[in-house]
Amino acid sequence: MELPIQVLIHNEILGIKGSRADLLSISPHGYYEVNLQFGQNVHRVLLPIAETVVIGQEAEVPRDARIEVER
């Protein structure tokens, strides 16, 4: 995964459910570093990995998807 990447964040501590954010880094010390919008401002936030769900905004293409050529 290349960073930064746009993600959806779920975190009960902050009451966040599906908020859009930019994932900037994943720390080996146990937190995600994200830019998250609060009101009209964007803030850099450190979220604990154990308490946070991060979902990529772009859906993945299945690896076994076959390209069909229209004839």
N, C-alpha and C. Protein backbone atom coordinates (compact mmCIF):
# COMPACT_ATOMS: atom_id res chain seq x y z
N MET A 1 0.84 -1.17 0.00
CA MET A 1 0.00 0.00 0.00
C MET A 1 0.89 1.24 0.00
N GLU A 2 0.59 2.12 -0.89
CA GLU A 2 1.34 3.38 -0.97
C GLU A 2 0.64 4.43 -0.12
N LEU A 3 1.41 5.15 0.66
CA LEU A 3 0.87 6.20 1.51
C LEU A 3 1.31 7.56 0.98
N PRO A 4 0.54 8.60 1.10
CA PRO A 4 -0.77 8.67 1.74
C PRO A 4 -1.85 8.05 0.85
N ILE A 5 -2.93 7.61 1.52
CA ILE A 5 -4.07 7.00 0.83
C ILE A 5 -5.35 7.48 1.51
N GLN A 6 -6.40 7.65 0.73
CA GLN A 6 -7.68 8.07 1.30
C GLN A 6 -8.38 6.86 1.90
N VAL A 7 -8.88 7.04 3.13
CA VAL A 7 -9.51 5.95 3.86
C VAL A 7 -10.77 6.43 4.56
N LEU A 8 -11.53 5.46 5.05
CA LEU A 8 -12.66 5.71 5.94
C LEU A 8 -12.22 5.24 7.33
N ILE A 9 -12.52 6.03 8.35
CA ILE A 9 -12.08 5.74 9.71
C ILE A 9 -13.28 5.45 10.60
N HIS A 10 -13.16 4.41 11.42
CA HIS A 10 -14.12 4.11 12.47
C HIS A 10 -13.34 4.05 13.78
N ASN A 11 -13.76 4.85 14.77
CA ASN A 11 -13.07 4.88 16.06
C ASN A 11 -14.08 5.27 17.13
N GLU A 12 -14.36 4.34 18.06
CA GLU A 12 -15.36 4.59 19.10
C GLU A 12 -14.90 5.65 20.11
N ILE A 13 -13.62 5.76 20.35
CA ILE A 13 -13.11 6.74 21.32
C ILE A 13 -13.55 8.15 20.92
N LEU A 14 -13.43 8.48 19.63
CA LEU A 14 -13.82 9.80 19.14
C LEU A 14 -15.24 9.83 18.58
N GLY A 15 -15.91 8.68 18.55
CA GLY A 15 -17.26 8.62 17.99
C GLY A 15 -17.27 8.79 16.48
N ILE A 16 -16.23 8.32 15.82
CA ILE A 16 -16.11 8.47 14.37
C ILE A 16 -16.65 7.21 13.70
N LYS A 17 -17.55 7.39 12.76
CA LYS A 17 -18.11 6.26 12.02
C LYS A 17 -18.06 6.56 10.52
N GLY A 18 -17.06 6.06 9.86
CA GLY A 18 -16.96 6.22 8.41
C GLY A 18 -16.53 7.59 7.95
N SER A 19 -15.77 8.30 8.77
CA SER A 19 -15.28 9.62 8.37
C SER A 19 -14.13 9.47 7.37
N ARG A 20 -14.12 10.35 6.40
CA ARG A 20 -13.04 10.32 5.40
C ARG A 20 -11.79 10.96 5.97
N ALA A 21 -10.66 10.35 5.64
CA ALA A 21 -9.37 10.85 6.12
C ALA A 21 -8.28 10.45 5.15
N ASP A 22 -7.12 11.06 5.31
CA ASP A 22 -5.93 10.67 4.56
C ASP A 22 -5.00 9.95 5.52
N LEU A 23 -4.73 8.67 5.26
CA LEU A 23 -3.80 7.91 6.07
C LEU A 23 -2.40 8.30 5.63
N LEU A 24 -1.63 8.87 6.56
CA LEU A 24 -0.30 9.37 6.24
C LEU A 24 0.79 8.36 6.56
N SER A 25 0.64 7.66 7.70
CA SER A 25 1.64 6.67 8.09
C SER A 25 1.05 5.69 9.09
N ILE A 26 1.74 4.56 9.21
CA ILE A 26 1.40 3.55 10.21
C ILE A 26 2.65 3.38 11.07
N SER A 27 2.54 3.76 12.33
CA SER A 27 3.69 3.76 13.21
C SER A 27 3.93 2.37 13.81
N PRO A 28 5.19 1.97 13.90
CA PRO A 28 5.50 0.71 14.59
C PRO A 28 5.23 0.80 16.09
N HIS A 29 4.91 2.01 16.56
CA HIS A 29 4.61 2.22 17.98
C HIS A 29 3.12 2.06 18.29
N GLY A 30 2.32 1.67 17.28
CA GLY A 30 0.93 1.32 17.54
C GLY A 30 -0.12 2.36 17.24
N TYR A 31 0.14 3.24 16.30
CA TYR A 31 -0.90 4.20 15.94
C TYR A 31 -0.88 4.52 14.45
N TYR A 32 -2.05 4.98 13.96
CA TYR A 32 -2.19 5.50 12.60
C TYR A 32 -2.05 7.02 12.69
N GLU A 33 -1.35 7.61 11.75
CA GLU A 33 -1.28 9.06 11.63
C GLU A 33 -2.16 9.44 10.45
N VAL A 34 -3.21 10.24 10.72
CA VAL A 34 -4.16 10.61 9.68
C VAL A 34 -4.42 12.11 9.71
N ASN A 35 -4.82 12.64 8.56
CA ASN A 35 -5.38 13.98 8.48
C ASN A 35 -6.89 13.80 8.44
N LEU A 36 -7.58 14.36 9.43
CA LEU A 36 -9.01 14.15 9.61
C LEU A 36 -9.70 15.50 9.73
N GLN A 37 -10.82 15.65 9.06
CA GLN A 37 -11.53 16.92 9.09
C GLN A 37 -12.46 16.98 10.30
N PHE A 38 -12.34 18.05 11.08
CA PHE A 38 -13.23 18.37 12.18
C PHE A 38 -13.82 19.74 11.87
N GLY A 39 -15.11 19.77 11.61
CA GLY A 39 -15.73 21.03 11.20
C GLY A 39 -15.16 21.44 9.85
N GLN A 40 -14.65 22.66 9.79
CA GLN A 40 -14.08 23.15 8.53
C GLN A 40 -12.56 23.07 8.52
N ASN A 41 -11.96 22.51 9.56
CA ASN A 41 -10.50 22.42 9.65
C ASN A 41 -10.03 20.98 9.54
N VAL A 42 -8.83 20.81 9.01
CA VAL A 42 -8.20 19.50 8.93
C VAL A 42 -7.12 19.44 10.01
N HIS A 43 -7.16 18.35 10.78
CA HIS A 43 -6.21 18.18 11.88
C HIS A 43 -5.44 16.88 11.71
N ARG A 44 -4.17 16.90 12.10
CA ARG A 44 -3.37 15.68 12.15
C ARG A 44 -3.73 14.97 13.45
N VAL A 45 -4.12 13.67 13.34
CA VAL A 45 -4.58 12.91 14.49
C VAL A 45 -3.81 11.60 14.54
N LEU A 46 -3.45 11.18 15.75
CA LEU A 46 -2.82 9.89 15.98
C LEU A 46 -3.88 8.99 16.61
N LEU A 47 -4.22 7.90 15.93
CA LEU A 47 -5.26 6.99 16.40
C LEU A 47 -4.65 5.64 16.74
N PRO A 48 -5.00 5.08 17.91
CA PRO A 48 -4.44 3.78 18.28
C PRO A 48 -4.94 2.68 17.34
N ILE A 49 -4.02 1.87 16.85
CA ILE A 49 -4.36 0.80 15.91
C ILE A 49 -5.37 -0.15 16.53
N ALA A 50 -5.22 -0.49 17.82
CA ALA A 50 -6.10 -1.46 18.47
C ALA A 50 -7.54 -0.99 18.58
N GLU A 51 -7.77 0.31 18.49
CA GLU A 51 -9.12 0.87 18.67
C GLU A 51 -9.69 1.46 17.38
N THR A 52 -9.02 1.25 16.25
CA THR A 52 -9.40 1.94 15.02
C THR A 52 -9.53 0.97 13.86
N VAL A 53 -10.58 1.18 13.07
CA VAL A 53 -10.76 0.43 11.83
C VAL A 53 -10.48 1.39 10.68
N VAL A 54 -9.64 0.95 9.75
CA VAL A 54 -9.28 1.76 8.58
C VAL A 54 -9.70 0.99 7.34
N ILE A 55 -10.52 1.61 6.49
CA ILE A 55 -11.01 0.98 5.27
C ILE A 55 -10.61 1.86 4.09
N GLY A 56 -9.97 1.27 3.08
CA GLY A 56 -9.61 2.03 1.88
C GLY A 56 -10.86 2.52 1.17
N GLN A 57 -10.84 3.77 0.71
CA GLN A 57 -12.01 4.33 0.02
C GLN A 57 -12.24 3.67 -1.34
N GLU A 58 -11.18 3.30 -2.02
CA GLU A 58 -11.31 2.68 -3.33
C GLU A 58 -11.46 1.17 -3.17
N ALA A 59 -12.46 0.60 -3.81
CA ALA A 59 -12.67 -0.85 -3.76
C ALA A 59 -11.55 -1.56 -4.51
N GLU A 60 -11.17 -2.71 -4.01
CA GLU A 60 -10.13 -3.51 -4.64
C GLU A 60 -10.71 -4.30 -5.80
N VAL A 61 -9.93 -4.49 -6.83
CA VAL A 61 -10.32 -5.34 -7.95
C VAL A 61 -9.91 -6.76 -7.59
N PRO A 62 -10.85 -7.71 -7.65
CA PRO A 62 -10.49 -9.10 -7.31
C PRO A 62 -9.31 -9.59 -8.15
N ARG A 63 -8.40 -10.31 -7.51
CA ARG A 63 -7.21 -10.79 -8.21
C ARG A 63 -7.55 -11.74 -9.34
N ASP A 64 -8.63 -12.49 -9.18
CA ASP A 64 -8.98 -13.47 -10.20
C ASP A 64 -9.97 -12.92 -11.23
N ALA A 65 -10.19 -11.60 -11.20
CA ALA A 65 -11.10 -11.00 -12.18
C ALA A 65 -10.51 -11.15 -13.57
N ARG A 66 -11.30 -11.63 -14.45
CA ARG A 66 -10.83 -11.83 -15.82
C ARG A 66 -11.33 -10.69 -16.70
N ILE A 67 -10.47 -10.29 -17.58
CA ILE A 67 -10.83 -9.23 -18.51
C ILE A 67 -11.58 -9.87 -19.67
N GLU A 68 -12.80 -9.39 -19.88
CA GLU A 68 -13.58 -9.91 -20.99
C GLU A 68 -13.49 -8.93 -22.15
N VAL A 69 -13.16 -9.47 -23.31
CA VAL A 69 -13.07 -8.66 -24.51
C VAL A 69 -14.35 -8.81 -25.29
N GLU A 70 -14.98 -7.67 -25.57
CA GLU A 70 -16.21 -7.72 -26.34
C GLU A 70 -15.87 -7.88 -27.81
N ARG A 71 -16.52 -8.82 -28.44
CA ARG A 71 -16.23 -9.09 -29.86
C ARG A 71 -17.35 -8.67 -30.75
